[in-house]
All heavy atoms as atom14 arrays in JSON, in Angstrom:
{
  "sequence": "KTELLNLKADLEEKYSSYKEKGLKLNMSRGKPSP",
  "atom14_mask": [
    [1, 1, 1, 1, 1, 1, 1, 1, 1, 0, 0, 0, 0, 0],
    [1, 1, 1, 1, 1, 1, 1, 0, 0, 0, 0, 0, 0, 0],
    [1, 1, 1, 1, 1, 1, 1, 1, 1, 0, 0, 0, 0, 0],
    [1, 1, 1, 1, 1, 1, 1, 1, 0, 0, 0, 0, 0, 0],
    [1, 1, 1, 1, 1, 1, 1, 1, 0, 0, 0, 0, 0, 0],
    [1, 1, 1, 1, 1, 1, 1, 1, 0, 0, 0, 0, 0, 0],
    [1, 1, 1, 1, 1, 1, 1, 1, 0, 0, 0, 0, 0, 0],
    [1, 1, 1, 1, 1, 1, 1, 1, 1, 0, 0, 0, 0, 0],
    [1, 1, 1, 1, 1, 0, 0, 0, 0, 0, 0, 0, 0, 0],
    [1, 1, 1, 1, 1, 1, 1, 1, 0, 0, 0, 0, 0, 0],
    [1, 1, 1, 1, 1, 1, 1, 1, 0, 0, 0, 0, 0, 0],
    [1, 1, 1, 1, 1, 1, 1, 1, 1, 0, 0, 0, 0, 0],
    [1, 1, 1, 1, 1, 1, 1, 1, 1, 0, 0, 0, 0, 0],
    [1, 1, 1, 1, 1, 1, 1, 1, 1, 0, 0, 0, 0, 0],
    [1, 1, 1, 1, 1, 1, 1, 1, 1, 1, 1, 1, 0, 0],
    [1, 1, 1, 1, 1, 1, 0, 0, 0, 0, 0, 0, 0, 0],
    [1, 1, 1, 1, 1, 1, 0, 0, 0, 0, 0, 0, 0, 0],
    [1, 1, 1, 1, 1, 1, 1, 1, 1, 1, 1, 1, 0, 0],
    [1, 1, 1, 1, 1, 1, 1, 1, 1, 0, 0, 0, 0, 0],
    [1, 1, 1, 1, 1, 1, 1, 1, 1, 0, 0, 0, 0, 0],
    [1, 1, 1, 1, 1, 1, 1, 1, 1, 0, 0, 0, 0, 0],
    [1, 1, 1, 1, 0, 0, 0, 0, 0, 0, 0, 0, 0, 0],
    [1, 1, 1, 1, 1, 1, 1, 1, 0, 0, 0, 0, 0, 0],
    [1, 1, 1, 1, 1, 1, 1, 1, 1, 0, 0, 0, 0, 0],
    [1, 1, 1, 1, 1, 1, 1, 1, 0, 0, 0, 0, 0, 0],
    [1, 1, 1, 1, 1, 1, 1, 1, 0, 0, 0, 0, 0, 0],
    [1, 1, 1, 1, 1, 1, 1, 1, 0, 0, 0, 0, 0, 0],
    [1, 1, 1, 1, 1, 1, 0, 0, 0, 0, 0, 0, 0, 0],
    [1, 1, 1, 1, 1, 1, 1, 1, 1, 1, 1, 0, 0, 0],
    [1, 1, 1, 1, 0, 0, 0, 0, 0, 0, 0, 0, 0, 0],
    [1, 1, 1, 1, 1, 1, 1, 1, 1, 0, 0, 0, 0, 0],
    [1, 1, 1, 1, 1, 1, 1, 0, 0, 0, 0, 0, 0, 0],
    [1, 1, 1, 1, 1, 1, 0, 0, 0, 0, 0, 0, 0, 0],
    [1, 1, 1, 1, 1, 1, 1, 0, 0, 0, 0, 0, 0, 0]
  ],
  "atom14_positions": [
    [[5.63, -7.79, 2.64], [5.43, -6.42, 3.09], [5.65, -5.43, 1.96], [4.88, -4.47, 1.79], [6.35, -6.11, 4.26], [6.13, -4.72, 4.84], [6.98, -4.48, 6.08], [6.7, -3.09, 6.67], [7.5, -2.85, 7.9], [0.0, 0.0, 0.0], [0.0, 0.0, 0.0], [0.0, 0.0, 0.0], [0.0, 0.0, 0.0], [0.0, 0.0, 0.0]],
    [[6.7, -5.66, 1.16], [6.99, -4.76, 0.04], [5.86, -4.77, -0.97], [5.43, -3.71, -1.46], [8.3, -5.19, -0.65], [9.38, -5.11, 0.29], [8.6, -4.29, -1.84], [0.0, 0.0, 0.0], [0.0, 0.0, 0.0], [0.0, 0.0, 0.0], [0.0, 0.0, 0.0], [0.0, 0.0, 0.0], [0.0, 0.0, 0.0], [0.0, 0.0, 0.0]],
    [[5.34, -5.97, -1.26], [4.23, -6.08, -2.21], [2.98, -5.39, -1.67], [2.25, -4.73, -2.42], [3.94, -7.55, -2.5], [5.03, -8.23, -3.33], [4.84, -9.72, -3.44], [4.43, -10.35, -2.42], [5.11, -10.29, -4.52], [0.0, 0.0, 0.0], [0.0, 0.0, 0.0], [0.0, 0.0, 0.0], [0.0, 0.0, 0.0], [0.0, 0.0, 0.0]],
    [[2.74, -5.52, -0.39], [1.59, -4.87, 0.23], [1.72, -3.35, 0.18], [0.75, -2.63, -0.09], [1.41, -5.34, 1.67], [0.88, -6.76, 1.86], [0.98, -7.17, 3.33], [-0.58, -6.86, 1.4], [0.0, 0.0, 0.0], [0.0, 0.0, 0.0], [0.0, 0.0, 0.0], [0.0, 0.0, 0.0], [0.0, 0.0, 0.0], [0.0, 0.0, 0.0]],
    [[2.92, -2.85, 0.43], [3.15, -1.4, 0.4], [2.95, -0.84, -1.01], [2.38, 0.24, -1.18], [4.55, -1.08, 0.91], [4.75, -1.23, 2.42], [6.23, -1.14, 2.78], [3.96, -0.16, 3.18], [0.0, 0.0, 0.0], [0.0, 0.0, 0.0], [0.0, 0.0, 0.0], [0.0, 0.0, 0.0], [0.0, 0.0, 0.0], [0.0, 0.0, 0.0]],
    [[3.44, -1.56, -2.0], [3.24, -1.13, -3.39], [1.75, -1.13, -3.75], [1.26, -0.21, -4.42], [4.01, -2.05, -4.35], [5.51, -1.85, -4.24], [5.98, -0.79, -3.81], [6.27, -2.87, -4.6], [0.0, 0.0, 0.0], [0.0, 0.0, 0.0], [0.0, 0.0, 0.0], [0.0, 0.0, 0.0], [0.0, 0.0, 0.0], [0.0, 0.0, 0.0]],
    [[1.06, -2.17, -3.3], [-0.37, -2.27, -3.56], [-1.13, -1.15, -2.85], [-2.06, -0.55, -3.41], [-0.89, -3.64, -3.1], [-2.36, -3.96, -3.37], [-2.69, -3.82, -4.86], [-2.68, -5.38, -2.9], [0.0, 0.0, 0.0], [0.0, 0.0, 0.0], [0.0, 0.0, 0.0], [0.0, 0.0, 0.0], [0.0, 0.0, 0.0], [0.0, 0.0, 0.0]],
    [[-0.71, -0.86, -1.64], [-1.34, 0.21, -0.86], [-1.23, 1.55, -1.6], [-2.2, 2.32, -1.66], [-0.67, 0.31, 0.51], [-1.18, 1.45, 1.4], [-0.42, 1.45, 2.73], [-0.72, 2.69, 3.55], [-2.1, 2.69, 4.1], [0.0, 0.0, 0.0], [0.0, 0.0, 0.0], [0.0, 0.0, 0.0], [0.0, 0.0, 0.0], [0.0, 0.0, 0.0]],
    [[-0.07, 1.81, -2.17], [0.14, 3.06, -2.9], [-0.81, 3.16, -4.1], [-1.42, 4.21, -4.35], [1.59, 3.17, -3.35], [0.0, 0.0, 0.0], [0.0, 0.0, 0.0], [0.0, 0.0, 0.0], [0.0, 0.0, 0.0], [0.0, 0.0, 0.0], [0.0, 0.0, 0.0], [0.0, 0.0, 0.0], [0.0, 0.0, 0.0], [0.0, 0.0, 0.0]],
    [[-0.96, 2.05, -4.82], [-1.86, 2.04, -5.97], [-3.32, 2.24, -5.54], [-4.07, 3.0, -6.17], [-1.73, 0.71, -6.72], [-0.39, 0.57, -7.43], [0.27, 1.6, -7.64], [-0.02, -0.57, -7.75], [0.0, 0.0, 0.0], [0.0, 0.0, 0.0], [0.0, 0.0, 0.0], [0.0, 0.0, 0.0], [0.0, 0.0, 0.0], [0.0, 0.0, 0.0]],
    [[-3.69, 1.57, -4.47], [-5.07, 1.67, -3.99], [-5.39, 3.08, -3.47], [-6.48, 3.6, -3.69], [-5.31, 0.64, -2.88], [-5.37, -0.83, -3.32], [-5.34, -1.76, -2.11], [-6.62, -1.1, -4.17], [0.0, 0.0, 0.0], [0.0, 0.0, 0.0], [0.0, 0.0, 0.0], [0.0, 0.0, 0.0], [0.0, 0.0, 0.0], [0.0, 0.0, 0.0]],
    [[-4.43, 3.66, -2.78], [-4.65, 5.01, -2.25], [-4.8, 6.03, -3.37], [-5.56, 7.0, -3.25], [-3.5, 5.4, -1.31], [-3.59, 4.68, 0.04], [-2.49, 5.09, 0.99], [-1.41, 5.51, 0.49], [-2.68, 4.96, 2.21], [0.0, 0.0, 0.0], [0.0, 0.0, 0.0], [0.0, 0.0, 0.0], [0.0, 0.0, 0.0], [0.0, 0.0, 0.0]],
    [[-4.1, 5.8, -4.46], [-4.24, 6.7, -5.61], [-5.64, 6.6, -6.2], [-6.28, 7.62, -6.5], [-3.2, 6.33, -6.67], [-3.2, 7.28, -7.87], [-2.12, 6.95, -8.88], [-1.22, 6.15, -8.56], [-2.18, 7.5, -10.0], [0.0, 0.0, 0.0], [0.0, 0.0, 0.0], [0.0, 0.0, 0.0], [0.0, 0.0, 0.0], [0.0, 0.0, 0.0]],
    [[-6.13, 5.37, -6.35], [-7.49, 5.18, -6.85], [-8.51, 5.78, -5.88], [-9.47, 6.44, -6.28], [-7.78, 3.69, -7.04], [-7.03, 3.04, -8.18], [-7.39, 1.57, -8.3], [-6.61, 0.89, -9.41], [-6.92, -0.56, -9.48], [0.0, 0.0, 0.0], [0.0, 0.0, 0.0], [0.0, 0.0, 0.0], [0.0, 0.0, 0.0], [0.0, 0.0, 0.0]],
    [[-8.27, 5.53, -4.61], [-9.2, 6.01, -3.58], [-9.28, 7.54, -3.59], [-10.37, 8.12, -3.51], [-8.74, 5.5, -2.22], [-9.63, 5.91, -1.07], [-10.92, 5.4, -0.93], [-9.19, 6.82, -0.11], [-11.73, 5.78, 0.12], [-9.99, 7.21, 0.95], [-11.27, 6.68, 1.06], [-12.07, 7.06, 2.1], [0.0, 0.0, 0.0], [0.0, 0.0, 0.0]],
    [[-8.15, 8.19, -3.71], [-8.12, 9.65, -3.75], [-8.89, 10.19, -4.95], [-9.57, 11.22, -4.86], [-6.67, 10.15, -3.81], [-5.99, 9.82, -2.62], [0.0, 0.0, 0.0], [0.0, 0.0, 0.0], [0.0, 0.0, 0.0], [0.0, 0.0, 0.0], [0.0, 0.0, 0.0], [0.0, 0.0, 0.0], [0.0, 0.0, 0.0], [0.0, 0.0, 0.0]],
    [[-8.82, 9.49, -6.07], [-9.53, 9.94, -7.26], [-11.05, 9.9, -7.05], [-11.78, 10.75, -7.54], [-9.15, 9.08, -8.48], [-9.67, 7.78, -8.38], [0.0, 0.0, 0.0], [0.0, 0.0, 0.0], [0.0, 0.0, 0.0], [0.0, 0.0, 0.0], [0.0, 0.0, 0.0], [0.0, 0.0, 0.0], [0.0, 0.0, 0.0], [0.0, 0.0, 0.0]],
    [[-11.52, 8.89, -6.28], [-12.95, 8.83, -5.97], [-13.35, 9.96, -5.02], [-14.41, 10.59, -5.18], [-13.3, 7.48, -5.34], [-13.28, 6.32, -6.32], [-12.5, 5.19, -6.07], [-14.05, 6.35, -7.48], [-12.47, 4.13, -6.96], [-14.02, 5.29, -8.38], [-13.24, 4.18, -8.11], [-13.21, 3.14, -8.99], [0.0, 0.0, 0.0], [0.0, 0.0, 0.0]],
    [[-12.51, 10.23, -4.04], [-12.83, 11.29, -3.07], [-12.93, 12.65, -3.77], [-13.76, 13.49, -3.4], [-11.77, 11.33, -1.97], [-11.82, 10.17, -1.01], [-10.77, 10.27, 0.07], [-11.06, 11.39, 1.05], [-10.1, 11.41, 2.17], [0.0, 0.0, 0.0], [0.0, 0.0, 0.0], [0.0, 0.0, 0.0], [0.0, 0.0, 0.0], [0.0, 0.0, 0.0]],
    [[-12.11, 12.85, -4.77], [-12.09, 14.13, -5.48], [-13.36, 14.36, -6.31], [-13.68, 15.51, -6.66], [-10.87, 14.2, -6.4], [-9.55, 14.31, -5.62], [-8.34, 14.13, -6.51], [-8.54, 13.92, -7.74], [-7.2, 14.18, -6.0], [0.0, 0.0, 0.0], [0.0, 0.0, 0.0], [0.0, 0.0, 0.0], [0.0, 0.0, 0.0], [0.0, 0.0, 0.0]],
    [[-14.09, 13.3, -6.59], [-15.28, 13.42, -7.45], [-16.5, 13.93, -6.69], [-17.5, 14.28, -7.32], [-15.6, 12.07, -8.09], [-14.56, 11.62, -9.11], [-14.92, 10.26, -9.69], [-13.87, 9.83, -10.72], [-14.19, 8.5, -11.31], [0.0, 0.0, 0.0], [0.0, 0.0, 0.0], [0.0, 0.0, 0.0], [0.0, 0.0, 0.0], [0.0, 0.0, 0.0]],
    [[-16.43, 13.94, -5.36], [-17.57, 14.39, -4.58], [-18.8, 13.53, -4.77], [-19.92, 14.02, -4.93], [0.0, 0.0, 0.0], [0.0, 0.0, 0.0], [0.0, 0.0, 0.0], [0.0, 0.0, 0.0], [0.0, 0.0, 0.0], [0.0, 0.0, 0.0], [0.0, 0.0, 0.0], [0.0, 0.0, 0.0], [0.0, 0.0, 0.0], [0.0, 0.0, 0.0]],
    [[-18.61, 12.23, -4.77], [-19.69, 11.28, -5.02], [-20.74, 11.3, -3.91], [-20.42, 11.55, -2.74], [-19.12, 9.86, -5.16], [-18.11, 9.65, -6.29], [-17.47, 8.28, -6.16], [-18.8, 9.79, -7.65], [0.0, 0.0, 0.0], [0.0, 0.0, 0.0], [0.0, 0.0, 0.0], [0.0, 0.0, 0.0], [0.0, 0.0, 0.0], [0.0, 0.0, 0.0]],
    [[-21.97, 10.99, -4.28], [-23.05, 10.8, -3.31], [-23.81, 9.54, -3.7], [-24.8, 9.58, -4.42], [-23.98, 12.01, -3.28], [-23.34, 13.27, -2.72], [-24.32, 14.42, -2.65], [-23.66, 15.67, -2.06], [-24.63, 16.82, -1.99], [0.0, 0.0, 0.0], [0.0, 0.0, 0.0], [0.0, 0.0, 0.0], [0.0, 0.0, 0.0], [0.0, 0.0, 0.0]],
    [[-23.3, 8.41, -3.22], [-23.82, 7.1, -3.58], [-24.38, 6.41, -2.33], [-23.93, 6.67, -1.22], [-22.73, 6.22, -4.2], [-22.02, 6.83, -5.42], [-20.77, 6.03, -5.75], [-22.97, 6.86, -6.61], [0.0, 0.0, 0.0], [0.0, 0.0, 0.0], [0.0, 0.0, 0.0], [0.0, 0.0, 0.0], [0.0, 0.0, 0.0], [0.0, 0.0, 0.0]],
    [[-25.37, 5.52, -2.53], [-26.01, 4.92, -1.38], [-26.36, 3.46, -1.67], [-27.12, 3.17, -2.59], [-27.28, 5.71, -1.01], [-27.79, 5.37, 0.38], [-27.84, 4.21, 0.76], [-28.15, 6.38, 1.13], [0.0, 0.0, 0.0], [0.0, 0.0, 0.0], [0.0, 0.0, 0.0], [0.0, 0.0, 0.0], [0.0, 0.0, 0.0], [0.0, 0.0, 0.0]],
    [[-25.81, 2.56, -0.86], [-26.2, 1.14, -0.9], [-26.54, 0.68, 0.52], [-26.24, -0.42, 0.92], [-25.06, 0.27, -1.47], [-24.75, 0.51, -2.92], [-23.78, -0.83, -3.66], [-22.24, -0.72, -2.73], [0.0, 0.0, 0.0], [0.0, 0.0, 0.0], [0.0, 0.0, 0.0], [0.0, 0.0, 0.0], [0.0, 0.0, 0.0], [0.0, 0.0, 0.0]],
    [[-27.22, 1.55, 1.27], [-27.42, 1.27, 2.7], [-28.72, 0.54, 3.02], [-28.77, -0.22, 3.98], [-27.39, 2.58, 3.49], [-28.46, 3.42, 3.12], [0.0, 0.0, 0.0], [0.0, 0.0, 0.0], [0.0, 0.0, 0.0], [0.0, 0.0, 0.0], [0.0, 0.0, 0.0], [0.0, 0.0, 0.0], [0.0, 0.0, 0.0], [0.0, 0.0, 0.0]],
    [[-29.77, 0.76, 2.27], [-31.06, 0.18, 2.59], [-31.68, -0.48, 1.36], [-31.47, -0.01, 0.24], [-32.02, 1.25, 3.13], [-31.74, 1.65, 4.55], [-32.21, 0.59, 5.54], [-31.74, 0.85, 6.89], [-31.85, -0.03, 7.88], [-32.38, -1.21, 7.67], [-31.39, 0.26, 9.08], [0.0, 0.0, 0.0], [0.0, 0.0, 0.0], [0.0, 0.0, 0.0]],
    [[-32.47, -1.5, 1.58], [-33.12, -2.2, 0.49], [-34.34, -1.46, -0.03], [-35.46, -1.96, 0.04], [0.0, 0.0, 0.0], [0.0, 0.0, 0.0], [0.0, 0.0, 0.0], [0.0, 0.0, 0.0], [0.0, 0.0, 0.0], [0.0, 0.0, 0.0], [0.0, 0.0, 0.0], [0.0, 0.0, 0.0], [0.0, 0.0, 0.0], [0.0, 0.0, 0.0]],
    [[-34.12, -0.27, -0.56], [-35.23, 0.54, -1.08], [-35.44, 0.22, -2.56], [-34.48, 0.13, -3.33], [-34.92, 2.03, -0.92], [-34.85, 2.52, 0.5], [-34.34, 3.95, 0.6], [-35.19, 4.93, -0.17], [-34.73, 6.33, 0.03], [0.0, 0.0, 0.0], [0.0, 0.0, 0.0], [0.0, 0.0, 0.0], [0.0, 0.0, 0.0], [0.0, 0.0, 0.0]],
    [[-36.69, 0.09, -2.97], [-36.95, -0.03, -4.41], [-36.48, 1.22, -5.15], [-36.57, 2.33, -4.63], [-38.48, -0.17, -4.5], [-38.9, -0.61, -3.13], [-37.93, 0.01, -2.18], [0.0, 0.0, 0.0], [0.0, 0.0, 0.0], [0.0, 0.0, 0.0], [0.0, 0.0, 0.0], [0.0, 0.0, 0.0], [0.0, 0.0, 0.0], [0.0, 0.0, 0.0]],
    [[-35.99, 1.03, -6.35], [-35.54, 2.16, -7.17], [-36.74, 2.88, -7.77], [-37.86, 2.34, -7.8], [-34.64, 1.65, -8.29], [-35.41, 0.89, -9.23], [0.0, 0.0, 0.0], [0.0, 0.0, 0.0], [0.0, 0.0, 0.0], [0.0, 0.0, 0.0], [0.0, 0.0, 0.0], [0.0, 0.0, 0.0], [0.0, 0.0, 0.0], [0.0, 0.0, 0.0]],
    [[-36.55, 4.1, -8.25], [-37.64, 4.8, -8.93], [-38.28, 3.99, -10.06], [-39.49, 4.02, -10.25], [-36.97, 6.07, -9.45], [-35.87, 6.34, -8.46], [-35.35, 4.97, -8.09], [0.0, 0.0, 0.0], [0.0, 0.0, 0.0], [0.0, 0.0, 0.0], [0.0, 0.0, 0.0], [0.0, 0.0, 0.0], [0.0, 0.0, 0.0], [0.0, 0.0, 0.0]]
  ]
}
């Protein structure tokens, strides 16, 4: 549990950094690229 909690803290920090970037990424459909 302690190891999971420490890992959770690290992951949430990384996750927050992505949210702050205002990303607009899409891997939802098999569309050909330009």
